[in-house]
Structure formats: structure tokens, C-alpha cells
C-alpha atoms as a PDB file:
ATOM      1  CA  MET A   1      65.372 139.398  74.286  1.00  0.00           C
ATOM      2  CA  THR A   2      62.849 142.199  74.044  1.00  0.00           C
ATOM      3  CA  CYS A   3      60.155 143.618  76.283  1.00  0.00           C
ATOM      4  CA  ASN A   4      57.549 141.862  74.132  1.00  0.00           C
ATOM      5  CA  ASP A   5      59.163 138.499  74.914  1.00  0.00           C
ATOM      6  CA  PHE A   6      58.323 139.052  78.593  1.00  0.00           C
ATOM      7  CA  ALA A   7      55.180 141.234  78.520  1.00  0.00           C
ATOM      8  CA  GLY A   8      52.837 138.313  77.957  1.00  0.00           C
ATOM      9  CA  HIS A   9      54.285 136.529  80.979  1.00  0.00           C
ATOM     10  CA  VAL A  10      53.649 139.213  83.622  1.00  0.00           C
ATOM     11  CA  GLY A  11      52.048 137.483  86.592  1.00  0.00           C
ATOM     12  CA  THR A  12      53.706 134.146  85.875  1.00  0.00           C
ATOM     13  CA  THR A  13      56.423 132.401  87.842  1.00  0.00           C
ATOM     14  CA  PHE A  14      60.052 131.826  86.968  1.00  0.00           C
ATOM     15  CA  SER A  15      62.100 129.346  89.008  1.00  0.00           C
ATOM     16  CA  LEU A  16      65.536 130.356  90.212  1.00  0.00           C
ATOM     17  CA  GLY A  17      68.056 127.731  89.229  1.00  0.00           C
ATOM     18  CA  PRO A  18      71.369 126.627  90.604  1.00  0.00           C
ATOM     19  CA  PRO A  19      73.769 127.476  92.030  1.00  0.00           C
ATOM     20  CA  ARG A  20      71.628 129.404  94.598  1.00  0.00           C
ATOM     21  CA  LEU A  21      68.218 128.540  96.004  1.00  0.00           C
ATOM     22  CA  ASP A  22      67.322 125.964  93.397  1.00  0.00           C
ATOM     23  CA  GLY A  23      63.640 126.254  92.520  1.00  0.00           C
ATOM     24  CA  MET A  24      62.939 129.484  94.411  1.00  0.00           C
ATOM     25  CA  PRO A  25      59.952 131.144  92.672  1.00  0.00           C
ATOM     26  CA  LEU A  26      60.179 134.673  91.288  1.00  0.00           C
ATOM     27  CA  THR A  27      57.024 136.234  89.874  1.00  0.00           C
ATOM     28  CA  LEU A  28      57.366 138.655  86.971  1.00  0.00           C
ATOM     29  CA  VAL A  29      55.353 141.666  88.146  1.00  0.00           C
ATOM     30  CA  GLU A  30      56.338 144.262  85.538  1.00  0.00           C
ATOM     31  CA  ALA A  31      57.767 144.495  82.010  1.00  0.00           C
ATOM     32  CA  SER A  32      58.267 148.141  80.984  1.00  0.00           C
ATOM     33  CA  ARG A  33      59.677 149.829  77.925  1.00  0.00           C
ATOM     34  CA  LYS A  34      62.119 152.657  78.628  1.00  0.00           C
ATOM     35  CA  ARG A  35      62.569 155.862  76.689  1.00  0.00           C
ATOM     36  CA  GLY A  36      65.455 156.261  74.345  1.00  0.00           C
ATOM     37  CA  GLY A  37      67.363 153.602  72.596  1.00  0.00           C
ATOM     38  CA  GLY A  38      69.521 153.583  69.593  1.00  0.00           C
ATOM     39  CA  ILE A  39      70.286 150.914  67.096  1.00  0.00           C
ATOM     40  CA  GLY A  40      68.881 147.494  67.871  1.00  0.00           C
ATOM     41  CA  ARG A  41      66.582 146.516  70.709  1.00  0.00           C
ATOM     42  CA  ALA A  42      64.538 149.144  72.553  1.00  0.00           C
ATOM     43  CA  PRO A  43      65.574 149.431  76.220  1.00  0.00           C
ATOM     44  CA  PHE A  44      63.310 147.855  78.825  1.00  0.00           C
ATOM     45  CA  SER A  45      63.205 146.719  82.428  1.00  0.00           C
ATOM     46  CA  LEU A  46      61.710 143.769  84.290  1.00  0.00           C
ATOM     47  CA  VAL A  47      60.678 143.535  87.929  1.00  0.00           C
ATOM     48  CA  PHE A  48      60.564 140.144  89.620  1.00  0.00           C
ATOM     49  CA  ARG A  49      59.081 139.553  93.087  1.00  0.00           C
ATOM     50  CA  SER A  50      60.261 136.995  95.625  1.00  0.00           C
ATOM     51  CA  SER A  51      58.210 135.989  98.636  1.00  0.00           C
ATOM     52  CA  SER A  52      61.392 134.896 100.401  1.00  0.00           C
ATOM     53  CA  GLY A  53      62.664 136.909 103.344  1.00  0.00           C
ATOM     54  CA  GLU A  54      66.217 136.469 102.056  1.00  0.00           C
ATOM     55  CA  THR A  55      67.694 139.254  99.924  1.00  0.00           C
ATOM     56  CA  LEU A  56      69.752 137.872  97.069  1.00  0.00           C
ATOM     57  CA  PRO A  57      72.892 139.772  96.079  1.00  0.00           C
ATOM     58  CA  GLN A  58      73.043 141.356  92.642  1.00  0.00           C
ATOM     59  CA  SER A  59      74.253 138.712  90.239  1.00  0.00           C
ATOM     60  CA  THR A  60      73.407 136.823  87.083  1.00  0.00           C
ATOM     61  CA  TYR A  61      70.826 134.150  87.860  1.00  0.00           C
ATOM     62  CA  HIS A  62      69.563 131.198  85.864  1.00  0.00           C
ATOM     63  CA  LEU A  63      65.781 131.425  85.602  1.00  0.00           C
ATOM     64  CA  THR A  64      63.461 128.821  84.108  1.00  0.00           C
ATOM     65  CA  HIS A  65      59.962 129.543  82.830  1.00  0.00           C
ATOM     66  CA  PRO A  66      57.487 126.888  81.613  1.00  0.00           C
ATOM     67  CA  VAL A  67      56.987 128.679  78.268  1.00  0.00           C
ATOM     68  CA  MET A  68      60.160 130.753  77.785  1.00  0.00           C
ATOM     69  CA  GLY A  69      62.542 128.045  78.962  1.00  0.00           C
ATOM     70  CA  LYS A  70      65.887 128.978  80.511  1.00  0.00           C
ATOM     71  CA  VAL A  71      67.142 132.558  80.596  1.00  0.00           C
ATOM     72  CA  ASP A  72      70.134 134.101  82.366  1.00  0.00           C
ATOM     73  CA  ILE A  73      69.308 137.515  83.821  1.00  0.00           C
ATOM     74  CA  PHE A  74      71.329 139.976  85.913  1.00  0.00           C
ATOM     75  CA  LEU A  75      69.102 140.853  88.895  1.00  0.00           C
ATOM     76  CA  VAL A  76      69.592 143.729  91.328  1.00  0.00           C
ATOM     77  CA  PRO A  77      67.716 144.066  94.643  1.00  0.00           C
ATOM     78  CA  PHE A  78      65.268 146.919  94.036  1.00  0.00           C
ATOM     79  CA  ARG A  79      62.843 147.388  96.915  1.00  0.00           C
ATOM     80  CA  ARG A  80      61.453 145.552  99.906  1.00  0.00           C
ATOM     81  CA  VAL A  81      57.736 144.851  99.636  1.00  0.00           C
ATOM     82  CA  GLU A  82      55.255 143.332 102.036  1.00  0.00           C
ATOM     83  CA  ASN A  83      56.259 139.691 102.465  1.00  0.00           C
ATOM     84  CA  GLY A  84      59.161 139.806 100.035  1.00  0.00           C
ATOM     85  CA  MET A  85      61.635 141.588  97.823  1.00  0.00           C
ATOM     86  CA  ASP A  86      61.560 143.014  94.308  1.00  0.00           C
ATOM     87  CA  TYR A  87      64.479 142.628  91.905  1.00  0.00           C
ATOM     88  CA  VAL A  88      65.021 144.629  88.737  1.00  0.00           C
ATOM     89  CA  ALA A  89      66.688 143.684  85.479  1.00  0.00           C
ATOM     90  CA  THR A  90      67.518 146.483  83.039  1.00  0.00           C
ATOM     91  CA  PHE A  91      68.220 145.957  79.355  1.00  0.00           C
ATOM     92  CA  ASP A  92      69.699 149.013  77.592  1.00  0.00           C
END
């Protein structure tokens, strides 16, 4: 996966799959390239936003997107926002 794979989907919704909170929506709010990088893929980060009041623990989650299909992504709670929580995924 690369930043370009996600950049066109900023503002769209991914559904959180089992085993936790099946179907919970997460909106991709940011896809950013990071400085540096060596051989292979350029590093990047993704920020997903949940409107749920529950904070999910950092873990690998199964996400489904209508165009991208199923992806497994390690999410880390990042910051509390009005009416929700942001989660970050970093790819180095």
C-alpha cells in the first residue's frame, strides 16, 4: 500500500470489521506523505475519524472500503476531537 492508494479516498468511509464493533464507520480524514524513506515505498500516515464515544485500543483492525475492499491496518488512538476520536496509522 502507498499513500496514493488512499489519497483519493480522503473523506470516504471505511467500515470496521469483526471482531470488534462490526460495521463501525471510520472516515479517512488525512493521507500524508512523510519525509525520508529508503528503498521501497515512501513512508506515509493515515488519520481516520470515529464519531463513536468509545476509544478503541491500539490494534490491527479489519477495515472494508467500497472501492479498496478489505485492508488490515494497525490503528493507534491519536487525539480526541469534537464528537469523536482520531486514529493514526503510520507506514514507514
